[in-house]
Amino acid sequence: MQMKNFYQPLKIMYFHGDSLVSFHINCYCPPTLFFNLKWNYNHQFDVFPPMTTVPLDGYTVTRSQLMNVFPEIKREADYTVLVFWTNMLNKISRSEIKTVYKNLKKFGRLNDVEVYLINDDITMTKSLKEVE
Protein backbone atom coordinates (compact mmCIF):
# COMPACT_ATOMS: atom_id res chain seq x y z
CA MET A 1 0.00 0.00 0.00
CA GLN A 2 2.82 2.43 0.82
CA MET A 3 4.40 1.95 -2.61
CA LYS A 4 1.03 2.62 -4.30
CA ASN A 5 0.66 5.81 -2.26
CA PHE A 6 4.14 7.06 -3.16
CA TYR A 7 3.45 6.43 -6.86
CA GLN A 8 0.52 8.86 -6.84
CA PRO A 9 1.25 12.04 -8.84
CA LEU A 10 -0.08 14.52 -6.26
CA LYS A 11 1.17 14.37 -2.70
CA ILE A 12 1.42 16.76 0.24
CA MET A 13 3.79 15.86 3.04
CA TYR A 14 4.12 17.88 6.25
CA PHE A 15 7.22 17.21 8.35
CA HIS A 16 7.78 18.44 11.90
CA GLY A 17 11.52 18.27 12.32
CA ASP A 18 12.44 14.99 10.68
CA SER A 19 9.09 13.27 11.27
CA LEU A 20 6.24 12.91 8.81
CA VAL A 21 3.16 14.26 10.63
CA SER A 22 0.63 14.73 7.83
CA PHE A 23 0.32 13.02 4.44
CA HIS A 24 -2.22 13.67 1.67
CA ILE A 25 -2.49 12.05 -1.76
CA ASN A 26 -4.86 12.53 -4.66
CA CYS A 27 -6.52 9.11 -4.47
CA TYR A 28 -7.77 9.78 -0.92
CA CYS A 29 -9.65 12.91 -2.03
CA PRO A 30 -13.17 12.77 -3.46
CA PRO A 31 -13.73 14.47 -6.82
CA THR A 32 -15.78 17.61 -7.32
CA LEU A 33 -18.34 18.14 -10.06
CA PHE A 34 -15.86 20.20 -12.10
CA PHE A 35 -12.93 17.77 -12.47
CA ASN A 36 -11.09 18.80 -9.34
CA LEU A 37 -10.46 17.26 -5.92
CA LYS A 38 -11.74 18.21 -2.49
CA TRP A 39 -8.44 18.38 -0.61
CA ASN A 40 -10.18 19.65 2.53
CA TYR A 41 -13.21 17.37 2.27
CA ASN A 42 -13.05 16.24 5.90
CA HIS A 43 -11.77 19.59 7.28
CA GLN A 44 -8.23 18.21 7.56
CA PHE A 45 -6.76 21.57 6.62
CA ASP A 46 -8.77 23.45 9.26
CA VAL A 47 -5.90 22.87 11.73
CA PHE A 48 -2.13 23.19 11.58
CA PRO A 49 -0.53 20.90 10.82
CA PRO A 50 -3.42 19.40 8.87
CA MET A 51 -4.87 16.09 10.03
CA THR A 52 -3.39 13.35 7.89
CA THR A 53 -5.62 11.57 5.39
CA VAL A 54 -3.14 8.76 4.81
CA PRO A 55 -2.73 6.62 7.94
CA LEU A 56 0.91 7.01 8.98
CA ASP A 57 1.27 3.58 10.60
CA GLY A 58 4.30 1.89 9.11
CA TYR A 59 5.61 4.96 7.25
CA THR A 60 9.27 5.44 8.07
CA VAL A 61 10.08 8.16 5.54
CA THR A 62 11.89 11.12 7.07
CA ARG A 63 12.76 14.60 5.91
CA SER A 64 16.45 13.59 6.06
CA GLN A 65 15.86 10.74 3.63
CA LEU A 66 14.10 13.04 1.19
CA MET A 67 16.94 15.56 1.52
CA ASN A 68 19.16 12.90 -0.07
CA VAL A 69 16.84 12.82 -3.09
CA PHE A 70 16.08 16.56 -3.13
CA PRO A 71 19.22 18.40 -1.91
CA GLU A 72 17.37 21.74 -2.16
CA ILE A 73 15.49 20.87 1.05
CA LYS A 74 17.04 22.64 4.02
CA ARG A 75 16.79 22.20 7.78
CA GLU A 76 16.03 25.81 8.58
CA ALA A 77 12.48 25.55 9.92
CA ASP A 78 10.56 23.40 12.38
CA TYR A 79 8.04 22.50 9.68
CA THR A 80 8.72 21.50 6.08
CA VAL A 81 5.99 20.95 3.49
CA LEU A 82 6.61 19.07 0.26
CA VAL A 83 3.98 19.54 -2.44
CA PHE A 84 4.32 17.16 -5.39
CA TRP A 85 2.47 18.44 -8.46
CA THR A 86 2.27 17.75 -12.20
CA ASN A 87 1.31 19.62 -15.35
CA MET A 88 -0.70 16.57 -16.41
CA LEU A 89 -3.21 17.51 -13.71
CA ASN A 90 -2.75 21.27 -13.85
CA LYS A 91 -6.10 22.35 -12.39
CA ILE A 92 -5.94 19.84 -9.55
CA SER A 93 -2.30 20.73 -8.86
CA ARG A 94 -3.22 24.40 -8.55
CA SER A 95 -5.99 23.61 -6.07
CA GLU A 96 -3.56 21.41 -4.13
CA ILE A 97 -1.04 24.26 -3.86
CA LYS A 98 -3.78 26.76 -2.94
CA THR A 99 -5.01 24.43 -0.18
CA VAL A 100 -1.53 24.39 1.38
CA TYR A 101 -1.18 28.16 0.98
CA LYS A 102 -4.58 28.83 2.61
CA ASN A 103 -3.71 26.54 5.50
CA LEU A 104 -0.40 28.29 6.15
CA LYS A 105 -1.97 31.73 5.80
CA LYS A 106 -4.89 30.92 8.11
CA PHE A 107 -2.50 29.92 10.89
CA GLY A 108 0.08 32.68 10.32
CA ARG A 109 2.73 30.22 9.19
CA LEU A 110 3.66 31.67 5.77
CA ASN A 111 7.04 32.94 6.97
CA ASP A 112 8.17 30.16 9.28
CA VAL A 113 7.42 27.00 7.27
CA GLU A 114 9.60 25.80 4.41
CA VAL A 115 7.48 24.86 1.40
CA TYR A 116 8.92 23.03 -1.59
CA LEU A 117 6.98 22.59 -4.82
CA ILE A 118 8.26 19.44 -6.52
CA ASN A 119 7.23 18.88 -10.11
CA ASP A 120 6.52 15.21 -10.82
CA ASP A 121 6.35 15.43 -14.63
CA ILE A 122 9.58 13.52 -15.32
CA THR A 123 8.60 10.76 -12.89
CA MET A 124 5.15 10.51 -14.43
CA THR A 125 6.59 10.35 -17.95
CA LYS A 126 8.87 7.49 -16.95
CA SER A 127 5.94 5.68 -15.30
CA LEU A 128 3.82 6.04 -18.43
CA LYS A 129 6.63 4.71 -20.62
CA GLU A 130 6.89 1.64 -18.39
CA VAL A 131 3.25 0.87 -19.17
CA GLU A 132 3.88 0.79 -22.93
C-alpha atoms as a PDB file:
ATOM      1  CA  MET A   1       0.000   0.000   0.000  1.00  0.00           C
ATOM      2  CA  GLN A   2       2.817   2.426   0.821  1.00  0.00           C
ATOM      3  CA  MET A   3       4.397   1.947  -2.607  1.00  0.00           C
ATOM      4  CA  LYS A   4       1.031   2.623  -4.296  1.00  0.00           C
ATOM      5  CA  ASN A   5       0.659   5.810  -2.261  1.00  0.00           C
ATOM      6  CA  PHE A   6       4.139   7.056  -3.159  1.00  0.00           C
ATOM      7  CA  TYR A   7       3.446   6.429  -6.858  1.00  0.00           C
ATOM      8  CA  GLN A   8       0.517   8.860  -6.844  1.00  0.00           C
ATOM      9  CA  PRO A   9       1.245  12.037  -8.836  1.00  0.00           C
ATOM     10  CA  LEU A  10      -0.080  14.525  -6.261  1.00  0.00           C
ATOM     11  CA  LYS A  11       1.166  14.365  -2.702  1.00  0.00           C
ATOM     12  CA  ILE A  12       1.420  16.762   0.236  1.00  0.00           C
ATOM     13  CA  MET A  13       3.794  15.856   3.041  1.00  0.00           C
ATOM     14  CA  TYR A  14       4.119  17.875   6.249  1.00  0.00           C
ATOM     15  CA  PHE A  15       7.220  17.205   8.352  1.00  0.00           C
ATOM     16  CA  HIS A  16       7.784  18.443  11.900  1.00  0.00           C
ATOM     17  CA  GLY A  17      11.522  18.271  12.316  1.00  0.00           C
ATOM     18  CA  ASP A  18      12.442  14.990  10.683  1.00  0.00           C
ATOM     19  CA  SER A  19       9.086  13.273  11.272  1.00  0.00           C
ATOM     20  CA  LEU A  20       6.241  12.912   8.805  1.00  0.00           C
ATOM     21  CA  VAL A  21       3.163  14.259  10.628  1.00  0.00           C
ATOM     22  CA  SER A  22       0.634  14.729   7.830  1.00  0.00           C
ATOM     23  CA  PHE A  23       0.325  13.025   4.436  1.00  0.00           C
ATOM     24  CA  HIS A  24      -2.225  13.671   1.674  1.00  0.00           C
ATOM     25  CA  ILE A  25      -2.495  12.054  -1.760  1.00  0.00           C
ATOM     26  CA  ASN A  26      -4.864  12.534  -4.658  1.00  0.00           C
ATOM     27  CA  CYS A  27      -6.517   9.107  -4.474  1.00  0.00           C
ATOM     28  CA  TYR A  28      -7.768   9.775  -0.924  1.00  0.00           C
ATOM     29  CA  CYS A  29      -9.649  12.906  -2.035  1.00  0.00           C
ATOM     30  CA  PRO A  30     -13.170  12.773  -3.456  1.00  0.00           C
ATOM     31  CA  PRO A  31     -13.735  14.468  -6.818  1.00  0.00           C
ATOM     32  CA  THR A  32     -15.780  17.611  -7.324  1.00  0.00           C
ATOM     33  CA  LEU A  33     -18.338  18.139 -10.056  1.00  0.00           C
ATOM     34  CA  PHE A  34     -15.864  20.199 -12.095  1.00  0.00           C
ATOM     35  CA  PHE A  35     -12.929  17.771 -12.466  1.00  0.00           C
ATOM     36  CA  ASN A  36     -11.090  18.804  -9.338  1.00  0.00           C
ATOM     37  CA  LEU A  37     -10.463  17.260  -5.921  1.00  0.00           C
ATOM     38  CA  LYS A  38     -11.744  18.206  -2.488  1.00  0.00           C
ATOM     39  CA  TRP A  39      -8.445  18.379  -0.610  1.00  0.00           C
ATOM     40  CA  ASN A  40     -10.177  19.654   2.534  1.00  0.00           C
ATOM     41  CA  TYR A  41     -13.211  17.366   2.272  1.00  0.00           C
ATOM     42  CA  ASN A  42     -13.052  16.243   5.903  1.00  0.00           C
ATOM     43  CA  HIS A  43     -11.770  19.589   7.281  1.00  0.00           C
ATOM     44  CA  GLN A  44      -8.230  18.206   7.558  1.00  0.00           C
ATOM     45  CA  PHE A  45      -6.758  21.571   6.621  1.00  0.00           C
ATOM     46  CA  ASP A  46      -8.769  23.450   9.259  1.00  0.00           C
ATOM     47  CA  VAL A  47      -5.905  22.867  11.728  1.00  0.00           C
ATOM     48  CA  PHE A  48      -2.131  23.188  11.578  1.00  0.00           C
ATOM     49  CA  PRO A  49      -0.531  20.900  10.820  1.00  0.00           C
ATOM     50  CA  PRO A  50      -3.423  19.399   8.869  1.00  0.00           C
ATOM     51  CA  MET A  51      -4.865  16.093  10.028  1.00  0.00           C
ATOM     52  CA  THR A  52      -3.392  13.354   7.892  1.00  0.00           C
ATOM     53  CA  THR A  53      -5.620  11.566   5.392  1.00  0.00           C
ATOM     54  CA  VAL A  54      -3.142   8.756   4.813  1.00  0.00           C
ATOM     55  CA  PRO A  55      -2.732   6.616   7.943  1.00  0.00           C
ATOM     56  CA  LEU A  56       0.907   7.014   8.980  1.00  0.00           C
ATOM     57  CA  ASP A  57       1.273   3.578  10.600  1.00  0.00           C
ATOM     58  CA  GLY A  58       4.296   1.890   9.107  1.00  0.00           C
ATOM     59  CA  TYR A  59       5.614   4.961   7.250  1.00  0.00           C
ATOM     60  CA  THR A  60       9.265   5.439   8.074  1.00  0.00           C
ATOM     61  CA  VAL A  61      10.080   8.155   5.543  1.00  0.00           C
ATOM     62  CA  THR A  62      11.886  11.119   7.073  1.00  0.00           C
ATOM     63  CA  ARG A  63      12.757  14.595   5.907  1.00  0.00           C
ATOM     64  CA  SER A  64      16.448  13.589   6.063  1.00  0.00           C
ATOM     65  CA  GLN A  65      15.863  10.737   3.627  1.00  0.00           C
ATOM     66  CA  LEU A  66      14.100  13.044   1.186  1.00  0.00           C
ATOM     67  CA  MET A  67      16.938  15.555   1.524  1.00  0.00           C
ATOM     68  CA  ASN A  68      19.161  12.895  -0.065  1.00  0.00           C
ATOM     69  CA  VAL A  69      16.835  12.815  -3.086  1.00  0.00           C
ATOM     70  CA  PHE A  70      16.082  16.557  -3.132  1.00  0.00           C
ATOM     71  CA  PRO A  71      19.216  18.401  -1.915  1.00  0.00           C
ATOM     72  CA  GLU A  72      17.365  21.737  -2.160  1.00  0.00           C
ATOM     73  CA  ILE A  73      15.488  20.869   1.047  1.00  0.00           C
ATOM     74  CA  LYS A  74      17.039  22.642   4.024  1.00  0.00           C
ATOM     75  CA  ARG A  75      16.791  22.197   7.780  1.00  0.00           C
ATOM     76  CA  GLU A  76      16.034  25.809   8.585  1.00  0.00           C
ATOM     77  CA  ALA A  77      12.479  25.552   9.919  1.00  0.00           C
ATOM     78  CA  ASP A  78      10.563  23.400  12.384  1.00  0.00           C
ATOM     79  CA  TYR A  79       8.045  22.496   9.677  1.00  0.00           C
ATOM     80  CA  THR A  80       8.722  21.496   6.083  1.00  0.00           C
ATOM     81  CA  VAL A  81       5.985  20.947   3.495  1.00  0.00           C
ATOM     82  CA  LEU A  82       6.611  19.067   0.259  1.00  0.00           C
ATOM     83  CA  VAL A  83       3.982  19.537  -2.445  1.00  0.00           C
ATOM     84  CA  PHE A  84       4.322  17.158  -5.390  1.00  0.00           C
ATOM     85  CA  TRP A  85       2.466  18.435  -8.462  1.00  0.00           C
ATOM     86  CA  THR A  86       2.270  17.754 -12.198  1.00  0.00           C
ATOM     87  CA  ASN A  87       1.311  19.620 -15.353  1.00  0.00           C
ATOM     88  CA  MET A  88      -0.699  16.565 -16.408  1.00  0.00           C
ATOM     89  CA  LEU A  89      -3.209  17.507 -13.710  1.00  0.00           C
ATOM     90  CA  ASN A  90      -2.745  21.265 -13.846  1.00  0.00           C
ATOM     91  CA  LYS A  91      -6.100  22.350 -12.385  1.00  0.00           C
ATOM     92  CA  ILE A  92      -5.941  19.835  -9.546  1.00  0.00           C
ATOM     93  CA  SER A  93      -2.300  20.735  -8.862  1.00  0.00           C
ATOM     94  CA  ARG A  94      -3.222  24.404  -8.553  1.00  0.00           C
ATOM     95  CA  SER A  95      -5.993  23.609  -6.067  1.00  0.00           C
ATOM     96  CA  GLU A  96      -3.557  21.408  -4.132  1.00  0.00           C
ATOM     97  CA  ILE A  97      -1.041  24.258  -3.856  1.00  0.00           C
ATOM     98  CA  LYS A  98      -3.784  26.756  -2.943  1.00  0.00           C
ATOM     99  CA  THR A  99      -5.006  24.433  -0.185  1.00  0.00           C
ATOM    100  CA  VAL A 100      -1.534  24.386   1.380  1.00  0.00           C
ATOM    101  CA  TYR A 101      -1.185  28.161   0.983  1.00  0.00           C
ATOM    102  CA  LYS A 102      -4.575  28.835   2.607  1.00  0.00           C
ATOM    103  CA  ASN A 103      -3.712  26.536   5.503  1.00  0.00           C
ATOM    104  CA  LEU A 104      -0.400  28.294   6.154  1.00  0.00           C
ATOM    105  CA  LYS A 105      -1.967  31.734   5.796  1.00  0.00           C
ATOM    106  CA  LYS A 106      -4.894  30.924   8.105  1.00  0.00           C
ATOM    107  CA  PHE A 107      -2.503  29.923  10.891  1.00  0.00           C
ATOM    108  CA  GLY A 108       0.084  32.683  10.320  1.00  0.00           C
ATOM    109  CA  ARG A 109       2.731  30.216   9.186  1.00  0.00           C
ATOM    110  CA  LEU A 110       3.657  31.668   5.771  1.00  0.00           C
ATOM    111  CA  ASN A 111       7.038  32.944   6.965  1.00  0.00           C
ATOM    112  CA  ASP A 112       8.166  30.163   9.276  1.00  0.00           C
ATOM    113  CA  VAL A 113       7.422  26.998   7.272  1.00  0.00           C
ATOM    114  CA  GLU A 114       9.603  25.803   4.408  1.00  0.00           C
ATOM    115  CA  VAL A 115       7.482  24.860   1.396  1.00  0.00           C
ATOM    116  CA  TYR A 116       8.923  23.027  -1.593  1.00  0.00           C
ATOM    117  CA  LEU A 117       6.978  22.586  -4.818  1.00  0.00           C
ATOM    118  CA  ILE A 118       8.262  19.443  -6.523  1.00  0.00           C
ATOM    119  CA  ASN A 119       7.231  18.882 -10.109  1.00  0.00           C
ATOM    120  CA  ASP A 120       6.518  15.209 -10.816  1.00  0.00           C
ATOM    121  CA  ASP A 121       6.350  15.433 -14.626  1.00  0.00           C
ATOM    122  CA  ILE A 122       9.579  13.518 -15.318  1.00  0.00           C
ATOM    123  CA  THR A 123       8.600  10.759 -12.891  1.00  0.00           C
ATOM    124  CA  MET A 124       5.147  10.505 -14.427  1.00  0.00           C
ATOM    125  CA  THR A 125       6.593  10.351 -17.951  1.00  0.00           C
ATOM    126  CA  LYS A 126       8.868   7.489 -16.946  1.00  0.00           C
ATOM    127  CA  SER A 127       5.936   5.682 -15.304  1.00  0.00           C
ATOM    128  CA  LEU A 128       3.816   6.035 -18.430  1.00  0.00           C
ATOM    129  CA  LYS A 129       6.629   4.711 -20.619  1.00  0.00           C
ATOM    130  CA  GLU A 130       6.893   1.635 -18.395  1.00  0.00           C
ATOM    131  CA  VAL A 131       3.246   0.874 -19.172  1.00  0.00           C
ATOM    132  CA  GLU A 132       3.877   0.787 -22.935  1.00  0.00           C
END
